[in-house]
Protein backbone atom coordinates (compact mmCIF):
# COMPACT_ATOMS: atom_id res chain seq x y z
CA MET A 1 28.80 1.89 7.18
CA TYR A 2 26.41 1.10 4.35
CA ILE A 3 25.75 4.18 2.23
CA SER A 4 22.25 4.81 0.86
CA GLU A 5 21.88 4.44 -2.88
CA THR A 6 21.84 7.23 -5.44
CA ARG A 7 18.62 8.04 -7.27
CA SER A 8 19.39 5.95 -10.36
CA ASN A 9 20.56 3.03 -8.22
CA LEU A 10 17.43 3.18 -6.06
CA SER A 11 15.17 3.20 -9.08
CA ASN A 12 17.05 0.39 -10.80
CA LYS A 13 17.14 -1.72 -7.64
CA PHE A 14 13.41 -1.19 -7.06
CA GLN A 15 12.64 -2.28 -10.61
CA ASP A 16 14.94 -5.30 -10.25
CA ILE A 17 13.23 -6.35 -7.02
CA LEU A 18 9.79 -6.15 -8.62
CA ASP A 19 11.10 -8.05 -11.65
CA GLY A 20 12.15 -10.89 -9.36
CA LYS A 21 15.88 -10.32 -9.74
CA LYS A 22 18.37 -10.79 -6.93
CA VAL A 23 19.85 -7.61 -5.43
CA ASP A 24 22.70 -7.20 -2.98
CA THR A 25 20.72 -5.66 -0.10
CA PRO A 26 17.02 -4.95 0.51
CA LEU A 27 15.57 -1.49 0.18
CA VAL A 28 13.77 0.19 3.10
CA GLY A 29 10.48 1.95 2.52
CA THR A 30 6.73 1.54 2.52
CA ALA A 31 3.86 0.54 0.27
CA THR A 32 1.25 1.30 2.95
CA THR A 33 -0.10 4.55 4.37
CA SER A 34 2.50 6.45 6.29
CA ALA A 35 1.88 10.04 7.42
CA ILE A 36 3.30 10.70 10.92
CA LEU A 37 3.06 13.80 13.08
CA GLU A 38 6.78 14.49 13.38
CA LEU A 39 7.24 14.57 9.62
CA MET A 40 4.22 16.84 9.25
CA ASP A 41 5.89 19.29 11.61
CA ILE A 42 9.29 19.03 9.95
CA SER A 43 7.96 19.33 6.39
CA GLY A 44 5.44 22.08 7.19
CA ALA A 45 2.72 20.03 5.51
CA SER A 46 0.07 18.65 7.83
CA ARG A 47 -3.10 16.70 7.31
CA PRO A 48 -5.87 17.12 6.35
CA GLU A 49 -4.47 19.80 4.01
CA ALA A 50 -1.72 17.47 2.79
CA ASP A 51 -4.40 15.00 1.67
CA ARG A 52 -6.04 17.59 -0.58
CA ASP A 53 -3.28 19.96 -1.73
CA PRO A 54 -0.77 18.48 -4.22
CA GLU A 55 2.11 20.76 -3.15
CA LYS A 56 1.66 19.85 0.52
CA MET A 57 1.25 16.19 -0.37
CA VAL A 58 4.59 16.39 -2.16
CA LYS A 59 6.31 18.06 0.81
CA LEU A 60 5.09 15.47 3.27
CA ALA A 61 5.83 12.53 0.97
CA SER A 62 9.33 13.81 0.20
CA SER A 63 10.14 14.05 3.90
CA PHE A 64 9.89 10.28 4.18
CA HIS A 65 12.97 10.10 1.98
CA THR A 66 14.87 13.23 2.96
CA VAL A 67 14.27 12.96 6.72
CA ALA A 68 13.23 9.37 7.51
CA ARG A 69 15.65 8.02 4.86
CA PHE A 70 13.05 5.70 3.32
CA GLU A 71 14.10 4.52 -0.13
CA VAL A 72 10.58 3.76 -1.36
CA ILE A 73 7.74 6.20 -0.60
CA ARG A 74 4.00 6.12 -1.16
CA ILE A 75 1.09 8.47 -1.80
CA PRO A 76 -1.72 9.10 -1.02
CA PHE A 77 -1.61 8.89 2.77
CA ASP A 78 -5.04 7.28 3.19
CA VAL A 79 -7.29 4.69 1.57
CA THR A 80 -10.44 6.65 0.80
CA VAL A 81 -9.50 8.50 -2.40
CA VAL A 82 -11.19 6.20 -4.92
CA GLY A 83 -14.16 5.59 -2.61
CA GLU A 84 -14.72 9.33 -2.34
CA ALA A 85 -14.56 9.68 -6.12
CA LEU A 86 -17.18 6.92 -6.44
CA GLY A 87 -19.65 8.87 -4.32
CA CYS A 88 -18.88 8.03 -0.68
CA GLN A 89 -18.78 10.91 1.77
CA VAL A 90 -15.52 11.17 3.70
CA ASP A 91 -14.72 12.51 7.14
CA ILE A 92 -11.52 14.36 6.23
CA GLY A 93 -10.00 13.70 9.64
CA THR A 94 -7.48 15.82 11.50
CA LYS A 95 -3.73 16.04 11.82
CA ALA A 96 -3.75 12.94 14.03
CA ARG A 97 -6.80 11.14 12.61
CA THR A 98 -6.91 9.68 9.13
CA PRO A 99 -9.84 10.20 6.73
CA SER A 100 -12.67 7.67 6.88
CA ILE A 101 -15.71 6.67 4.84
CA ILE A 102 -18.96 7.79 6.50
CA THR A 103 -21.68 7.07 3.89
CA HIS A 104 -22.46 4.09 1.65
CA PRO A 105 -24.32 5.41 -1.41
CA PHE A 106 -25.43 2.02 -2.77
CA ASP A 107 -26.38 0.21 0.42
CA LYS A 108 -30.04 0.04 -0.63
CA ASP A 109 -29.49 -1.25 -4.18
CA PRO A 110 -25.91 -2.28 -5.08
CA SER A 111 -26.98 -3.08 -8.65
CA GLU A 112 -27.31 0.66 -9.29
CA PHE A 113 -23.55 1.18 -9.00
CA ASN A 114 -21.54 1.83 -12.16
CA VAL A 115 -18.13 3.43 -12.57
CA PRO A 116 -18.69 7.07 -13.60
CA ALA A 117 -17.23 8.10 -16.94
CA ASP A 118 -15.63 11.17 -15.34
CA LEU A 119 -13.98 9.22 -12.50
CA LEU A 120 -10.54 10.75 -13.05
CA GLU A 121 -11.98 14.25 -12.61
CA ARG A 122 -13.65 13.48 -9.31
CA GLY A 123 -12.64 14.08 -5.71
CA ARG A 124 -8.93 13.91 -4.94
CA ILE A 125 -7.84 11.75 -7.86
CA PRO A 126 -6.60 14.85 -9.77
CA VAL A 127 -4.68 15.90 -6.61
CA VAL A 128 -2.87 12.57 -6.47
CA MET A 129 -2.14 12.71 -10.20
CA GLU A 130 -0.62 16.18 -9.88
CA ALA A 131 1.41 15.21 -6.82
CA ILE A 132 2.84 12.20 -8.66
CA SER A 133 3.79 14.39 -11.59
CA ILE A 134 5.48 16.94 -9.32
CA LEU A 135 7.38 14.25 -7.40
CA LYS A 136 8.65 12.56 -10.54
CA ASN A 137 9.77 15.88 -12.05
CA ASP A 138 11.48 16.96 -8.85
CA GLN A 139 15.17 16.31 -9.47
CA GLY A 140 15.80 16.21 -5.73
CA LEU A 141 13.61 13.15 -5.14
CA GLU A 142 15.72 10.02 -5.17
CA ALA A 143 13.17 7.48 -3.97
CA PRO A 144 10.92 5.35 -6.18
CA LEU A 145 7.25 6.27 -5.78
CA VAL A 146 4.38 3.86 -5.14
CA ALA A 147 0.82 5.08 -5.74
CA GLY A 148 -1.94 3.44 -3.73
CA VAL A 149 -5.50 2.53 -4.64
CA GLU A 150 -8.13 0.83 -2.49
CA GLY A 151 -8.75 -2.76 -3.51
CA PRO A 152 -12.03 -3.97 -5.02
CA ALA A 153 -13.34 -5.64 -1.84
CA ASP A 154 -12.65 -2.51 0.19
CA LEU A 155 -14.38 -0.37 -2.42
CA ALA A 156 -17.37 -2.71 -2.46
CA SER A 157 -17.64 -2.40 1.33
CA TYR A 158 -17.43 1.39 1.06
CA LEU A 159 -20.25 1.50 -1.48
CA CYS A 160 -22.54 -1.05 0.18
CA GLY A 161 -21.45 -0.97 3.82
CA ILE A 162 -19.29 -3.73 5.31
CA LYS A 163 -22.13 -5.75 6.83
CA SER A 164 -24.24 -5.57 3.68
CA PHE A 165 -21.36 -6.58 1.44
CA LEU A 166 -20.24 -9.46 3.66
CA LYS A 167 -23.84 -10.69 3.73
CA LEU A 168 -23.90 -10.61 -0.07
CA THR A 169 -20.75 -12.73 -0.25
CA VAL A 170 -22.60 -15.46 1.63
CA LYS A 171 -26.20 -15.17 0.45
CA LYS A 172 -25.83 -13.68 -3.04
CA PRO A 173 -22.21 -14.27 -4.14
CA GLU A 174 -23.03 -13.60 -7.78
CA ILE A 175 -24.10 -10.03 -6.90
CA ALA A 176 -21.04 -9.57 -4.68
CA ARG A 177 -18.80 -10.65 -7.54
CA GLU A 178 -20.55 -8.29 -9.96
CA ILE A 179 -19.93 -5.36 -7.61
CA VAL A 180 -16.29 -6.37 -7.10
CA GLU A 181 -15.78 -6.57 -10.87
CA LYS A 182 -17.14 -3.05 -11.28
CA CYS A 183 -14.94 -1.84 -8.44
CA VAL A 184 -11.84 -3.34 -10.02
CA ASP A 185 -12.68 -1.41 -13.19
CA ALA A 186 -12.26 1.76 -11.11
CA CYS A 187 -8.98 0.40 -9.69
CA ILE A 188 -7.67 -0.26 -13.20
CA VAL A 189 -8.54 3.23 -14.45
CA CYS A 190 -6.89 4.91 -11.47
CA ALA A 191 -3.83 2.64 -11.46
CA ASN A 192 -3.06 3.19 -15.12
CA THR A 193 -3.51 6.94 -14.70
CA TYR A 194 -1.15 7.03 -11.72
CA LEU A 195 1.42 4.99 -13.65
CA HIS A 196 1.07 7.30 -16.65
CA SER A 197 1.57 10.28 -14.31
CA GLY A 198 4.95 8.82 -13.29
CA ALA A 199 4.46 6.38 -10.41
CA ASP A 200 7.02 3.56 -10.37
CA ALA A 201 4.42 1.04 -9.17
CA VAL A 202 0.87 0.84 -7.87
CA VAL A 203 -0.22 -0.90 -4.69
CA VAL A 204 -3.69 -2.35 -4.26
CA ALA A 205 -4.56 -2.27 -0.54
CA ASP A 206 -7.50 -4.55 0.19
CA SER A 207 -7.98 -5.02 3.92
CA LEU A 208 -11.40 -6.69 3.59
CA SER A 209 -9.78 -9.52 1.64
CA SER A 210 -8.14 -10.65 4.87
CA PRO A 211 -9.11 -14.23 5.84
CA GLU A 212 -10.36 -12.81 9.14
CA MET A 213 -12.86 -10.69 7.22
CA ILE A 214 -14.14 -12.10 3.94
CA GLY A 215 -12.83 -15.65 4.41
CA PRO A 216 -10.53 -17.68 2.12
CA ASP A 217 -13.32 -19.19 -0.02
CA ALA A 218 -14.97 -15.85 -0.73
CA PHE A 219 -11.57 -14.37 -1.56
CA ARG A 220 -10.87 -17.14 -4.07
CA ASN A 221 -14.30 -17.06 -5.69
CA ILE A 222 -15.19 -13.36 -5.59
CA VAL A 223 -12.08 -11.20 -5.27
CA LYS A 224 -9.25 -13.23 -6.80
CA PRO A 225 -10.68 -13.22 -10.37
CA ALA A 226 -10.95 -9.42 -10.21
CA LEU A 227 -7.35 -9.06 -9.01
CA ILE A 228 -6.15 -11.32 -11.83
CA ARG A 229 -7.97 -9.10 -14.33
CA PHE A 230 -6.44 -6.02 -12.69
CA ASN A 231 -2.96 -7.26 -13.58
CA GLU A 232 -4.04 -8.18 -17.10
CA LYS A 233 -5.09 -4.58 -17.67
CA ILE A 234 -2.46 -2.39 -16.03
CA ASN A 235 0.70 -1.23 -17.72
CA ASP A 236 3.49 -1.60 -15.16
CA HIS A 237 4.56 -3.01 -11.79
CA SER A 238 2.00 -3.82 -9.12
CA ILE A 239 1.93 -4.70 -5.41
CA LEU A 240 -0.84 -6.35 -3.37
CA HIS A 241 -1.29 -5.59 0.33
CA ILE A 242 -3.80 -7.59 2.38
CA CYS A 243 -4.00 -7.14 6.13
CA GLY A 244 -4.01 -9.85 8.76
CA GLU A 245 -2.97 -13.47 8.91
CA VAL A 246 -2.85 -14.22 5.18
CA ASP A 247 -0.91 -17.52 5.32
CA SER A 248 -3.98 -19.48 4.19
CA ILE A 249 -4.42 -17.43 1.00
CA ILE A 250 -0.77 -16.94 0.04
CA PRO A 251 -1.01 -19.36 -2.93
CA ASP A 252 -4.05 -17.44 -4.19
CA MET A 253 -2.38 -14.06 -3.70
CA LEU A 254 0.62 -15.27 -5.68
CA GLU A 255 -1.61 -16.45 -8.53
CA CYS A 256 -3.08 -12.95 -8.97
CA GLY A 257 -0.07 -11.75 -10.96
CA PHE A 258 1.34 -9.01 -8.72
CA ASN A 259 5.08 -8.31 -8.80
CA ALA A 260 5.17 -8.10 -4.99
CA ILE A 261 3.01 -8.80 -1.99
CA SER A 262 3.04 -6.76 1.21
CA VAL A 263 2.27 -8.59 4.46
CA GLU A 264 1.87 -7.45 8.04
CA GLU A 265 3.17 -8.76 11.35
CA ASN A 266 0.20 -11.05 12.05
CA VAL A 267 1.31 -13.65 9.52
CA LYS A 268 2.26 -16.94 11.16
CA ASP A 269 5.24 -17.93 9.02
CA LEU A 270 7.14 -15.18 7.21
CA GLU A 271 9.79 -17.58 5.90
CA TYR A 272 7.11 -19.79 4.32
CA ILE A 273 5.57 -16.73 2.67
CA ILE A 274 8.89 -15.44 1.35
CA ASN A 275 10.02 -18.84 0.08
CA SER A 276 6.66 -19.40 -1.63
CA ALA A 277 6.77 -15.95 -3.19
CA HIS A 278 10.34 -16.31 -4.43
CA ARG A 279 9.48 -19.63 -6.09
CA ASN A 280 6.78 -17.66 -7.89
CA ASN A 281 9.23 -14.88 -8.86
CA THR A 282 7.35 -12.50 -6.54
CA ALA A 283 8.93 -10.06 -4.07
CA VAL A 284 7.81 -9.65 -0.45
CA ILE A 285 7.47 -6.34 1.41
CA GLY A 286 7.15 -6.05 5.20
CA ASN A 287 6.67 -6.67 7.97
CA VAL A 288 7.83 -4.73 11.05
CA SER A 289 4.90 -4.40 13.47
CA THR A 290 3.13 -1.06 13.17
CA ALA A 291 0.62 -1.32 16.02
CA ASP A 292 3.17 -2.56 18.54
CA THR A 293 6.87 -2.25 17.71
CA LEU A 294 7.01 0.89 15.56
CA TYR A 295 4.30 2.68 17.53
CA ARG A 296 5.05 1.70 21.12
CA LYS A 297 8.58 0.35 21.47
CA ALA A 298 12.17 1.61 21.40
CA PRO A 299 14.52 1.80 18.39
CA GLU A 300 16.44 -1.23 19.66
CA ASP A 301 13.22 -3.28 19.51
CA VAL A 302 12.62 -2.06 15.97
CA ARG A 303 16.12 -3.08 14.95
CA LYS A 304 15.67 -6.57 16.45
CA GLU A 305 12.42 -7.12 14.58
CA ALA A 306 13.91 -5.71 11.38
CA PHE A 307 16.82 -8.17 11.64
CA LYS A 308 14.31 -11.04 11.78
CA CYS A 309 12.74 -9.82 8.55
CA LEU A 310 16.15 -9.45 6.93
CA ASP A 311 17.21 -12.91 8.08
CA ALA A 312 14.05 -14.27 6.45
CA ASN A 313 15.24 -12.73 3.14
CA ILE A 314 12.68 -9.93 2.87
CA ASP A 315 12.99 -7.94 -0.37
CA ILE A 316 11.85 -4.53 0.90
CA LEU A 317 11.98 -3.89 4.64
CA ALA A 318 8.85 -1.96 5.52
CA PRO A 319 6.17 -1.33 8.11
CA GLY A 320 3.74 -4.24 8.10
CA CYS A 321 0.72 -1.98 7.60
CA GLY A 322 -0.25 1.69 7.80
CA LEU A 323 1.64 3.76 10.37
CA ALA A 324 -0.11 5.34 13.33
CA PRO A 325 0.27 9.15 13.18
CA GLU A 326 2.03 9.15 16.58
CA THR A 327 4.72 6.70 15.42
CA PRO A 328 8.12 8.18 16.45
CA LEU A 329 10.46 9.22 13.66
CA ARG A 330 13.34 7.57 15.53
CA ASN A 331 11.69 4.20 14.97
CA LEU A 332 11.52 4.72 11.20
CA LEU A 333 15.19 5.67 11.21
CA ALA A 334 15.91 2.52 13.24
CA MET A 335 14.62 0.42 10.33
CA VAL A 336 17.14 2.03 8.00
CA GLU A 337 19.89 1.64 10.58
CA ALA A 338 19.08 -2.06 10.92
CA ARG A 339 19.36 -2.57 7.16
CA ASP A 340 22.63 -0.63 7.07
CA LYS A 341 24.13 -2.78 9.84
CA TYR A 342 22.83 -5.91 8.19
CA ALA A 343 24.43 -4.92 4.88
CA VAL A 344 27.81 -4.32 6.53
CA LYS A 345 27.63 -7.65 8.34
CA LYS A 346 26.62 -9.41 5.12
CA PHE A 347 29.62 -8.12 3.25
């Protein structure tokens, strides 16, 4: 039986993967949002409190390693932290319902938006910073830690409203790009602060950049330049997650300078994506189905899908996107079991 790595080995392997080096077996973990009900009950840290209390955030995050056996974990558990700090009101959700943006403060006049000078003191950003610091100073935590920020297109849609922002990308692309550039300034500030607090990498999650949403041309002309600048300005490893069928923008994603890309189950050709990424010295994370396999099916189905990812030479075996709160713990464990069996078979 394959034995999980020690803390130093996990950290070194994670860094090697993001540096484009070959490793013996993939890690199992997540770069996307991941709070599930069973782990809330086991850890004694439930949402929404765990989204706003650093000690509870730490307890819930740690359980993904100590209980679910994930070797890469992520905080925060939602994608509204930076948007809230920029002035959006947030429905804090419930134990089984994730937080969501409910107001768009610059829908009337997007040109009024500027990144506040006290951004790092606002909302839950200090909570995430403290949780990162606690996790990295906790000698019992063996797993590398990924800190998440919303991407610039998502932030722009939070500030302006999705319909208003998408309309700008078509009718006034120069204004859309100006907003995205300001939003990426906020991403850069938060990312560097999370890295300085001790995160091993940052992940930019930008669902609106999906070809099904903004479209490939708008991504290339409006969002891609901002993501390139993001990587010019941050101080460590970075990951890009874009939802949906991203095959058509894979070359553009790879040109943005991220150390890894995270893709979900809706991609058409995982092998093409992995081969393209590896030629670019970029790792790939994914892509076991969250909405179907992990949420609805049995552990054996999870293992079968995980084997397909492993056969395609995935670098970090992970859920394709954010986990539904009702996702069974047994299905997360099945991902680790699949990797363990795969490693034994390989050697």
